[in-house]
Amino acid sequence: MSGLWYIVGFAVILLNLLVIRGILGRRAYREYPILFLYCVMDFLSNVVESAAYLGGSNWTLTGERYALFYWVNEAGAQVLIFALMLSLIYRALDHKQRMWLTVAVGALAVILSVSSVAQNYSASTKLTRWMTALTGQLSFYSALLNFVLWTALIRARNRSLQMLLMAGGLGLLTTGKAI
């Protein structure tokens, strides 16, 4: 079974590198800087997680340190996905609606996330329980933001196939994480 994990870990890292190469080759990082930042962070976290898993006892991240790394990484990824959704919504809307609707939707999702996480937090709460609530809420609201993005893209006069494909991929990612 561990041989399969070596293959999967290598494949994930290789796919991450291919996506980053594609973004750099097309200079898409100028148009989608948050997407590029997310891809780089995902690559780096996959390298560290693979090394921690496959390195076994030789790796220094064990127990609570690994849990802290995992949850900080997961929260960072969720925040970047959330920001990416807001930036794509901003791009998909008409000039009249852009600023106020993006800020209103983003602020509402942040307020709801913070309030629901604050309900789960106490001094005695373990990190895993608190971070599970945080990332779960951000995943759920990112999935709702994806619905807003799809609505804006469908209503747009000039539909961008690239934006529709990104919204589809992000929809699968956010819905899967929210579930």
Foldseek 3Di string as FASTA:
>chain_A
DVVVLVVVLVVVLVVLVVVLCVCVVVVCCVVQVLVNVLSVLVNVVSVVVSCPVVVPPVDDQDDPNVVVVVLVSLLVNLVSLLVSLLVLLLVLADPVCRPPVSVVLSVVLVVVLVVQLVVVDDPPDDPVSSSLSNSLSSLVSSLVSLVSSVVSQVPGPDHDPVSVVVSVVSNVVSVVSND
